[in-house]
Amino acid sequence: MSVPPPSPSGKATDRLTQAPSRQREMVEARTLYTSRLRDTALGRASLADLALADPEEQIFQLCTYEAVEQLRREHPDRRFDYAIAEAREEATLSGLALEAKGAAIQGRDRWYDLSFRCEVASDLMAVTAFSYLLGAEITRPERDDLDLPTGGPVH
């Protein structure tokens, strides 16, 4: 995992306080959590249900699942539990790769900007590559404008 660049004061900056930027480097995931779905009965059942969806929906679901799992582990205090790939702008799907520059992720009834790039296996059962950049908290007025859900996890 890359370390945030030092601030002018010499202290590391927190990714949560900065909006996504093309100048900042995305974090490349070292562990991919969708690959572990086959290891549990619940995971296998989830994959079976997902297989009933169209391929585009499968890719979106796998990638947003991976986003939540990555951020849960990096920031356990935020308790991330839900991500939307197209909160601010439409995501781009090219073959098995999804790029979501205007995504958002929720934790503890707060929303944060998120950008991610995700590649999915040809069988649509796991993510094969994932990188992300967590941005600033989305303000309440912006959250209302974006019509992001409030009041806890969305499932």
N, C-alpha and C. Protein backbone atom coordinates (compact mmCIF):
# COMPACT_ATOMS: atom_id res chain seq x y z
N MET A 1 0.86 -1.16 0.00
CA MET A 1 0.00 0.00 0.00
C MET A 1 0.90 1.22 0.00
N SER A 2 0.58 2.20 -0.83
CA SER A 2 1.41 3.40 -0.88
C SER A 2 1.09 4.32 0.29
N VAL A 3 2.08 5.08 0.69
CA VAL A 3 1.94 6.01 1.80
C VAL A 3 1.60 7.37 1.23
N PRO A 4 0.63 8.09 1.83
CA PRO A 4 0.29 9.41 1.33
C PRO A 4 1.51 10.33 1.39
N PRO A 5 1.60 11.28 0.43
CA PRO A 5 2.74 12.18 0.42
C PRO A 5 2.73 13.08 1.65
N PRO A 6 3.92 13.51 2.10
CA PRO A 6 3.96 14.40 3.27
C PRO A 6 3.36 15.76 2.94
N SER A 7 2.77 16.37 3.94
CA SER A 7 2.22 17.70 3.78
C SER A 7 3.33 18.71 3.99
N PRO A 8 3.09 20.01 3.73
CA PRO A 8 4.12 21.01 3.96
C PRO A 8 4.64 20.99 5.39
N SER A 9 3.83 20.52 6.34
CA SER A 9 4.27 20.47 7.73
C SER A 9 5.14 19.24 8.00
N GLY A 10 5.25 18.37 7.00
CA GLY A 10 6.06 17.17 7.16
C GLY A 10 5.27 15.96 7.63
N LYS A 11 4.00 16.12 7.93
CA LYS A 11 3.17 15.02 8.38
C LYS A 11 2.47 14.39 7.17
N ALA A 12 2.21 13.11 7.25
CA ALA A 12 1.50 12.43 6.17
C ALA A 12 0.08 12.97 6.09
N THR A 13 -0.42 13.13 4.88
CA THR A 13 -1.78 13.61 4.70
C THR A 13 -2.73 12.42 4.69
N ASP A 14 -3.94 12.64 5.09
CA ASP A 14 -4.97 11.61 5.15
C ASP A 14 -5.76 11.62 3.85
N ARG A 15 -5.85 10.48 3.17
CA ARG A 15 -6.59 10.42 1.91
C ARG A 15 -8.04 10.84 2.10
N LEU A 16 -8.59 10.67 3.29
CA LEU A 16 -9.99 11.01 3.51
C LEU A 16 -10.25 12.50 3.44
N THR A 17 -9.23 13.32 3.60
CA THR A 17 -9.44 14.76 3.61
C THR A 17 -9.19 15.39 2.25
N GLN A 18 -8.89 14.58 1.24
CA GLN A 18 -8.61 15.10 -0.07
C GLN A 18 -9.57 14.51 -1.09
N ALA A 19 -10.02 15.33 -2.01
CA ALA A 19 -10.89 14.85 -3.08
C ALA A 19 -10.04 14.07 -4.08
N PRO A 20 -10.65 13.11 -4.80
CA PRO A 20 -9.90 12.39 -5.81
C PRO A 20 -9.30 13.36 -6.83
N SER A 21 -8.11 13.07 -7.25
CA SER A 21 -7.40 13.94 -8.18
C SER A 21 -6.59 13.07 -9.13
N ARG A 22 -6.47 13.49 -10.36
CA ARG A 22 -5.67 12.75 -11.33
C ARG A 22 -4.19 12.81 -10.97
N GLN A 23 -3.78 13.78 -10.18
CA GLN A 23 -2.39 13.93 -9.80
C GLN A 23 -1.99 12.91 -8.73
N ARG A 24 -2.92 12.44 -7.96
CA ARG A 24 -2.63 11.48 -6.90
C ARG A 24 -2.72 10.08 -7.47
N GLU A 25 -1.91 9.21 -6.95
CA GLU A 25 -1.85 7.85 -7.43
C GLU A 25 -2.91 6.97 -6.77
N MET A 26 -3.50 6.11 -7.57
CA MET A 26 -4.48 5.17 -7.02
C MET A 26 -3.74 4.08 -6.25
N VAL A 27 -4.41 3.54 -5.24
CA VAL A 27 -3.87 2.45 -4.44
C VAL A 27 -4.18 1.15 -5.19
N GLU A 28 -3.16 0.36 -5.44
CA GLU A 28 -3.33 -0.92 -6.11
C GLU A 28 -3.60 -1.99 -5.05
N ALA A 29 -4.71 -2.69 -5.17
CA ALA A 29 -5.06 -3.73 -4.21
C ALA A 29 -4.09 -4.91 -4.32
N ARG A 30 -3.60 -5.36 -3.19
CA ARG A 30 -2.71 -6.53 -3.16
C ARG A 30 -3.48 -7.82 -2.94
N THR A 31 -4.58 -7.72 -2.20
CA THR A 31 -5.45 -8.87 -1.95
C THR A 31 -6.80 -8.55 -2.57
N LEU A 32 -7.36 -9.50 -3.29
CA LEU A 32 -8.67 -9.32 -3.90
C LEU A 32 -9.67 -10.20 -3.18
N TYR A 33 -10.69 -9.57 -2.63
CA TYR A 33 -11.61 -10.27 -1.73
C TYR A 33 -12.72 -11.02 -2.44
N THR A 34 -13.06 -10.66 -3.67
CA THR A 34 -14.09 -11.42 -4.37
C THR A 34 -13.62 -12.84 -4.64
N SER A 35 -12.31 -13.04 -4.74
CA SER A 35 -11.79 -14.40 -4.99
C SER A 35 -12.09 -15.33 -3.82
N ARG A 36 -12.38 -14.78 -2.66
CA ARG A 36 -12.67 -15.59 -1.47
C ARG A 36 -14.15 -15.94 -1.34
N LEU A 37 -14.99 -15.41 -2.22
CA LEU A 37 -16.42 -15.70 -2.13
C LEU A 37 -16.72 -17.19 -2.28
N ARG A 38 -15.94 -17.87 -3.07
CA ARG A 38 -16.17 -19.31 -3.29
C ARG A 38 -15.83 -20.15 -2.07
N ASP A 39 -15.18 -19.54 -1.07
CA ASP A 39 -14.73 -20.28 0.11
C ASP A 39 -15.81 -20.50 1.16
N THR A 40 -16.95 -19.82 1.04
CA THR A 40 -18.01 -19.96 2.04
C THR A 40 -19.34 -20.29 1.36
N ALA A 41 -20.22 -20.90 2.11
CA ALA A 41 -21.55 -21.23 1.57
C ALA A 41 -22.31 -19.96 1.19
N LEU A 42 -22.23 -18.94 2.05
CA LEU A 42 -22.90 -17.68 1.75
C LEU A 42 -22.33 -17.03 0.50
N GLY A 43 -21.01 -17.07 0.37
CA GLY A 43 -20.36 -16.51 -0.81
C GLY A 43 -20.77 -17.24 -2.09
N ARG A 44 -20.80 -18.56 -2.02
CA ARG A 44 -21.23 -19.36 -3.18
C ARG A 44 -22.68 -19.07 -3.54
N ALA A 45 -23.52 -18.90 -2.54
CA ALA A 45 -24.93 -18.57 -2.79
C ALA A 45 -25.03 -17.18 -3.43
N SER A 46 -24.24 -16.25 -2.96
CA SER A 46 -24.24 -14.90 -3.53
C SER A 46 -23.81 -14.93 -4.99
N LEU A 47 -22.77 -15.71 -5.29
CA LEU A 47 -22.31 -15.83 -6.67
C LEU A 47 -23.37 -16.49 -7.55
N ALA A 48 -24.08 -17.47 -7.01
CA ALA A 48 -25.15 -18.13 -7.77
C ALA A 48 -26.26 -17.14 -8.09
N ASP A 49 -26.63 -16.32 -7.12
CA ASP A 49 -27.65 -15.28 -7.36
C ASP A 49 -27.15 -14.27 -8.39
N LEU A 50 -25.89 -13.89 -8.26
CA LEU A 50 -25.31 -12.91 -9.17
C LEU A 50 -25.28 -13.43 -10.61
N ALA A 51 -25.08 -14.72 -10.77
CA ALA A 51 -25.04 -15.33 -12.10
C ALA A 51 -26.35 -15.16 -12.87
N LEU A 52 -27.43 -14.88 -12.15
CA LEU A 52 -28.74 -14.69 -12.79
C LEU A 52 -28.87 -13.30 -13.42
N ALA A 53 -27.99 -12.38 -13.04
CA ALA A 53 -28.04 -11.01 -13.56
C ALA A 53 -27.34 -10.95 -14.92
N ASP A 54 -27.60 -9.87 -15.67
CA ASP A 54 -26.91 -9.71 -16.94
C ASP A 54 -25.43 -9.41 -16.68
N PRO A 55 -24.56 -9.67 -17.65
CA PRO A 55 -23.11 -9.52 -17.44
C PRO A 55 -22.69 -8.13 -16.95
N GLU A 56 -23.28 -7.08 -17.46
CA GLU A 56 -22.92 -5.73 -17.02
C GLU A 56 -23.22 -5.55 -15.53
N GLU A 57 -24.38 -6.01 -15.09
CA GLU A 57 -24.75 -5.92 -13.68
C GLU A 57 -23.81 -6.76 -12.82
N GLN A 58 -23.41 -7.93 -13.30
CA GLN A 58 -22.48 -8.76 -12.57
C GLN A 58 -21.16 -8.02 -12.34
N ILE A 59 -20.65 -7.36 -13.36
CA ILE A 59 -19.39 -6.62 -13.26
C ILE A 59 -19.54 -5.48 -12.25
N PHE A 60 -20.62 -4.71 -12.35
CA PHE A 60 -20.84 -3.62 -11.40
C PHE A 60 -20.93 -4.14 -9.97
N GLN A 61 -21.66 -5.23 -9.76
CA GLN A 61 -21.82 -5.77 -8.41
C GLN A 61 -20.50 -6.29 -7.84
N LEU A 62 -19.74 -7.03 -8.64
CA LEU A 62 -18.45 -7.53 -8.16
C LEU A 62 -17.50 -6.38 -7.82
N CYS A 63 -17.48 -5.37 -8.66
CA CYS A 63 -16.56 -4.25 -8.45
C CYS A 63 -16.95 -3.40 -7.23
N THR A 64 -18.23 -3.16 -7.03
CA THR A 64 -18.62 -2.38 -5.85
C THR A 64 -18.42 -3.21 -4.58
N TYR A 65 -18.63 -4.51 -4.65
CA TYR A 65 -18.32 -5.39 -3.51
C TYR A 65 -16.84 -5.29 -3.17
N GLU A 66 -15.99 -5.37 -4.19
CA GLU A 66 -14.55 -5.28 -3.97
C GLU A 66 -14.17 -3.93 -3.37
N ALA A 67 -14.81 -2.86 -3.84
CA ALA A 67 -14.54 -1.52 -3.31
C ALA A 67 -14.83 -1.48 -1.81
N VAL A 68 -15.98 -1.98 -1.42
CA VAL A 68 -16.36 -1.96 -0.01
C VAL A 68 -15.36 -2.79 0.81
N GLU A 69 -15.02 -3.97 0.34
CA GLU A 69 -14.11 -4.83 1.09
C GLU A 69 -12.71 -4.21 1.21
N GLN A 70 -12.23 -3.58 0.16
CA GLN A 70 -10.92 -2.92 0.22
C GLN A 70 -10.91 -1.80 1.25
N LEU A 71 -11.93 -0.94 1.18
CA LEU A 71 -11.98 0.23 2.07
C LEU A 71 -12.30 -0.17 3.51
N ARG A 72 -13.07 -1.22 3.71
CA ARG A 72 -13.35 -1.72 5.07
C ARG A 72 -12.05 -2.08 5.78
N ARG A 73 -11.16 -2.70 5.05
CA ARG A 73 -9.92 -3.15 5.65
C ARG A 73 -8.92 -2.01 5.83
N GLU A 74 -8.91 -1.07 4.90
CA GLU A 74 -7.97 0.06 5.03
C GLU A 74 -8.41 1.04 6.12
N HIS A 75 -9.72 1.22 6.27
CA HIS A 75 -10.26 2.19 7.24
C HIS A 75 -11.34 1.53 8.10
N PRO A 76 -10.97 0.59 8.98
CA PRO A 76 -11.99 -0.14 9.75
C PRO A 76 -12.85 0.78 10.62
N ASP A 77 -12.32 1.90 11.05
CA ASP A 77 -13.08 2.83 11.89
C ASP A 77 -14.23 3.48 11.13
N ARG A 78 -14.18 3.52 9.81
CA ARG A 78 -15.24 4.14 9.01
C ARG A 78 -16.42 3.20 8.78
N ARG A 79 -16.20 1.91 8.97
CA ARG A 79 -17.25 0.88 8.78
C ARG A 79 -17.98 1.02 7.45
N PHE A 80 -17.21 1.07 6.38
CA PHE A 80 -17.80 1.16 5.05
C PHE A 80 -18.68 -0.04 4.79
N ASP A 81 -19.86 0.21 4.22
CA ASP A 81 -20.78 -0.91 4.00
C ASP A 81 -21.52 -0.86 2.66
N TYR A 82 -21.32 0.18 1.88
CA TYR A 82 -22.06 0.27 0.62
C TYR A 82 -21.35 1.22 -0.32
N ALA A 83 -21.28 0.85 -1.61
CA ALA A 83 -20.67 1.72 -2.62
C ALA A 83 -21.60 1.82 -3.82
N ILE A 84 -21.54 2.97 -4.47
CA ILE A 84 -22.29 3.22 -5.70
C ILE A 84 -21.28 3.63 -6.76
N ALA A 85 -21.24 2.92 -7.87
CA ALA A 85 -20.26 3.19 -8.92
C ALA A 85 -20.54 4.48 -9.68
N GLU A 86 -21.80 4.89 -9.72
CA GLU A 86 -22.18 6.04 -10.55
C GLU A 86 -22.88 7.12 -9.73
N ALA A 87 -22.26 7.56 -8.65
CA ALA A 87 -22.87 8.58 -7.80
C ALA A 87 -22.78 9.97 -8.43
N ARG A 88 -21.62 10.32 -8.96
CA ARG A 88 -21.41 11.65 -9.55
C ARG A 88 -21.41 11.65 -11.06
N GLU A 89 -20.96 10.56 -11.66
CA GLU A 89 -20.92 10.48 -13.12
C GLU A 89 -20.99 9.02 -13.55
N GLU A 90 -21.34 8.83 -14.80
CA GLU A 90 -21.49 7.50 -15.35
C GLU A 90 -20.13 6.78 -15.39
N ALA A 91 -20.11 5.53 -15.00
CA ALA A 91 -18.90 4.72 -15.06
C ALA A 91 -18.69 4.25 -16.50
N THR A 92 -17.45 3.88 -16.82
CA THR A 92 -17.11 3.41 -18.16
C THR A 92 -16.81 1.92 -18.10
N LEU A 93 -17.53 1.15 -18.90
CA LEU A 93 -17.32 -0.28 -18.97
C LEU A 93 -16.70 -0.60 -20.33
N SER A 94 -15.54 -1.22 -20.31
CA SER A 94 -14.84 -1.59 -21.53
C SER A 94 -14.45 -3.05 -21.41
N GLY A 95 -15.20 -3.91 -22.07
CA GLY A 95 -14.96 -5.34 -21.93
C GLY A 95 -15.24 -5.78 -20.51
N LEU A 96 -14.21 -6.27 -19.84
CA LEU A 96 -14.35 -6.73 -18.45
C LEU A 96 -13.78 -5.73 -17.46
N ALA A 97 -13.50 -4.50 -17.92
CA ALA A 97 -12.92 -3.47 -17.05
C ALA A 97 -13.94 -2.35 -16.81
N LEU A 98 -14.08 -1.99 -15.54
CA LEU A 98 -14.98 -0.92 -15.14
C LEU A 98 -14.15 0.20 -14.53
N GLU A 99 -14.35 1.42 -15.03
CA GLU A 99 -13.70 2.59 -14.45
C GLU A 99 -14.78 3.52 -13.92
N ALA A 100 -14.72 3.77 -12.62
CA ALA A 100 -15.73 4.60 -11.94
C ALA A 100 -15.02 5.80 -11.31
N LYS A 101 -15.01 6.91 -12.02
CA LYS A 101 -14.34 8.12 -11.52
C LYS A 101 -15.24 8.91 -10.58
N GLY A 102 -16.53 8.68 -10.66
CA GLY A 102 -17.49 9.43 -9.84
C GLY A 102 -18.27 8.55 -8.89
N ALA A 103 -17.59 7.58 -8.29
CA ALA A 103 -18.24 6.67 -7.34
C ALA A 103 -18.33 7.31 -5.96
N ALA A 104 -19.07 6.65 -5.08
CA ALA A 104 -19.16 7.10 -3.68
C ALA A 104 -19.27 5.86 -2.81
N ILE A 105 -18.82 6.01 -1.56
CA ILE A 105 -18.87 4.90 -0.62
C ILE A 105 -19.41 5.42 0.71
N GLN A 106 -20.24 4.60 1.36
CA GLN A 106 -20.89 4.99 2.61
C GLN A 106 -20.33 4.22 3.78
N GLY A 107 -20.18 4.93 4.88
CA GLY A 107 -19.81 4.32 6.14
C GLY A 107 -20.27 5.22 7.28
N ARG A 108 -20.90 4.61 8.28
CA ARG A 108 -21.41 5.35 9.43
C ARG A 108 -22.28 6.54 9.01
N ASP A 109 -23.15 6.30 8.05
CA ASP A 109 -24.09 7.31 7.55
C ASP A 109 -23.40 8.54 6.95
N ARG A 110 -22.16 8.37 6.50
CA ARG A 110 -21.45 9.43 5.79
C ARG A 110 -21.03 8.87 4.44
N TRP A 111 -20.98 9.74 3.46
CA TRP A 111 -20.57 9.36 2.11
C TRP A 111 -19.26 10.03 1.77
N TYR A 112 -18.43 9.31 1.01
CA TYR A 112 -17.13 9.80 0.58
C TYR A 112 -16.98 9.60 -0.92
N ASP A 113 -16.28 10.54 -1.56
CA ASP A 113 -15.96 10.37 -2.97
C ASP A 113 -15.01 9.19 -3.12
N LEU A 114 -15.13 8.50 -4.24
CA LEU A 114 -14.31 7.34 -4.52
C LEU A 114 -14.12 7.22 -6.03
N SER A 115 -12.92 6.92 -6.44
CA SER A 115 -12.63 6.55 -7.82
C SER A 115 -12.04 5.15 -7.78
N PHE A 116 -12.40 4.33 -8.76
CA PHE A 116 -11.77 3.01 -8.83
C PHE A 116 -11.73 2.49 -10.25
N ARG A 117 -10.80 1.56 -10.45
CA ARG A 117 -10.69 0.82 -11.69
C ARG A 117 -10.68 -0.65 -11.31
N CYS A 118 -11.48 -1.43 -12.01
CA CYS A 118 -11.71 -2.82 -11.63
C CYS A 118 -11.74 -3.69 -12.88
N GLU A 119 -11.05 -4.82 -12.82
CA GLU A 119 -11.10 -5.80 -13.90
C GLU A 119 -11.65 -7.11 -13.34
N VAL A 120 -12.50 -7.75 -14.13
CA VAL A 120 -13.21 -8.95 -13.69
C VAL A 120 -12.80 -10.14 -14.56
N ALA A 121 -12.75 -11.32 -13.96
CA ALA A 121 -12.42 -12.57 -14.67
C ALA A 121 -13.45 -12.84 -15.76
N SER A 122 -13.04 -13.57 -16.78
CA SER A 122 -13.94 -13.85 -17.90
C SER A 122 -15.17 -14.65 -17.50
N ASP A 123 -15.10 -15.42 -16.40
CA ASP A 123 -16.28 -16.17 -15.94
C ASP A 123 -17.21 -15.30 -15.08
N LEU A 124 -16.85 -14.04 -14.86
CA LEU A 124 -17.63 -13.06 -14.09
C LEU A 124 -17.87 -13.52 -12.65
N MET A 125 -16.89 -14.22 -12.09
CA MET A 125 -17.03 -14.73 -10.72
C MET A 125 -16.04 -14.10 -9.74
N ALA A 126 -15.12 -13.26 -10.22
CA ALA A 126 -14.14 -12.66 -9.31
C ALA A 126 -13.48 -11.45 -9.97
N VAL A 127 -13.01 -10.55 -9.14
CA VAL A 127 -12.22 -9.41 -9.59
C VAL A 127 -10.77 -9.89 -9.75
N THR A 128 -10.11 -9.47 -10.84
CA THR A 128 -8.72 -9.88 -11.08
C THR A 128 -7.74 -8.74 -10.85
N ALA A 129 -8.21 -7.50 -10.86
CA ALA A 129 -7.35 -6.34 -10.58
C ALA A 129 -8.23 -5.22 -10.06
N PHE A 130 -7.71 -4.47 -9.09
CA PHE A 130 -8.51 -3.39 -8.49
C PHE A 130 -7.57 -2.31 -7.96
N SER A 131 -7.88 -1.06 -8.30
CA SER A 131 -7.16 0.08 -7.74
C SER A 131 -8.19 1.16 -7.41
N TYR A 132 -7.86 1.98 -6.42
CA TYR A 132 -8.84 2.96 -5.95
C TYR A 132 -8.17 4.18 -5.35
N LEU A 133 -8.96 5.23 -5.23
CA LEU A 133 -8.54 6.46 -4.58
C LEU A 133 -9.73 7.00 -3.80
N LEU A 134 -9.58 7.06 -2.49
CA LEU A 134 -10.63 7.57 -1.62
C LEU A 134 -10.50 9.07 -1.50
N GLY A 135 -11.63 9.76 -1.63
CA GLY A 135 -11.62 11.21 -1.56
C GLY A 135 -12.25 11.75 -0.28
N ALA A 136 -12.64 12.99 -0.35
CA ALA A 136 -13.19 13.70 0.80
C ALA A 136 -14.62 13.26 1.10
N GLU A 137 -15.05 13.59 2.30
CA GLU A 137 -16.44 13.35 2.67
C GLU A 137 -17.32 14.24 1.80
N ILE A 138 -18.43 13.69 1.36
CA ILE A 138 -19.40 14.44 0.57
C ILE A 138 -20.28 15.21 1.55
N THR A 139 -20.39 16.51 1.33
CA THR A 139 -21.16 17.35 2.25
C THR A 139 -22.64 17.00 2.19
N ARG A 140 -23.36 17.36 3.23
CA ARG A 140 -24.81 17.08 3.29
C ARG A 140 -25.55 17.68 2.09
N PRO A 141 -25.32 18.96 1.72
CA PRO A 141 -26.02 19.50 0.55
C PRO A 141 -25.70 18.73 -0.73
N GLU A 142 -24.43 18.35 -0.92
CA GLU A 142 -24.06 17.56 -2.10
C GLU A 142 -24.75 16.19 -2.06
N ARG A 143 -24.76 15.59 -0.89
CA ARG A 143 -25.39 14.28 -0.71
C ARG A 143 -26.87 14.36 -1.10
N ASP A 144 -27.53 15.43 -0.68
CA ASP A 144 -28.93 15.61 -1.05
C ASP A 144 -29.09 15.81 -2.56
N ASP A 145 -28.21 16.61 -3.16
CA ASP A 145 -28.26 16.84 -4.60
C ASP A 145 -28.03 15.56 -5.39
N LEU A 146 -27.14 14.70 -4.88
CA LEU A 146 -26.84 13.44 -5.54
C LEU A 146 -27.87 12.35 -5.22
N ASP A 147 -28.79 12.66 -4.31
CA ASP A 147 -29.83 11.73 -3.88
C ASP A 147 -29.23 10.44 -3.29
N LEU A 148 -28.15 10.61 -2.51
CA LEU A 148 -27.53 9.45 -1.85
C LEU A 148 -28.36 9.08 -0.63
N PRO A 149 -28.59 7.80 -0.41
CA PRO A 149 -29.40 7.35 0.73
C PRO A 149 -28.79 7.76 2.06
N THR A 150 -29.64 7.97 3.04
CA THR A 150 -29.20 8.26 4.41
C THR A 150 -29.86 7.27 5.36
N GLY A 151 -29.36 7.23 6.58
CA GLY A 151 -30.02 6.41 7.60
C GLY A 151 -29.52 5.01 7.72
N GLY A 152 -28.28 4.73 7.33
CA GLY A 152 -27.72 3.40 7.54
C GLY A 152 -27.47 2.66 6.26
N PRO A 153 -27.06 1.40 6.38
CA PRO A 153 -26.70 0.61 5.21
C PRO A 153 -27.83 0.47 4.22
N VAL A 154 -27.45 0.40 2.97
CA VAL A 154 -28.39 0.21 1.87
C VAL A 154 -28.10 -1.14 1.25
N HIS A 155 -29.09 -2.01 1.19
CA HIS A 155 -28.87 -3.34 0.60
C HIS A 155 -30.02 -3.73 -0.29
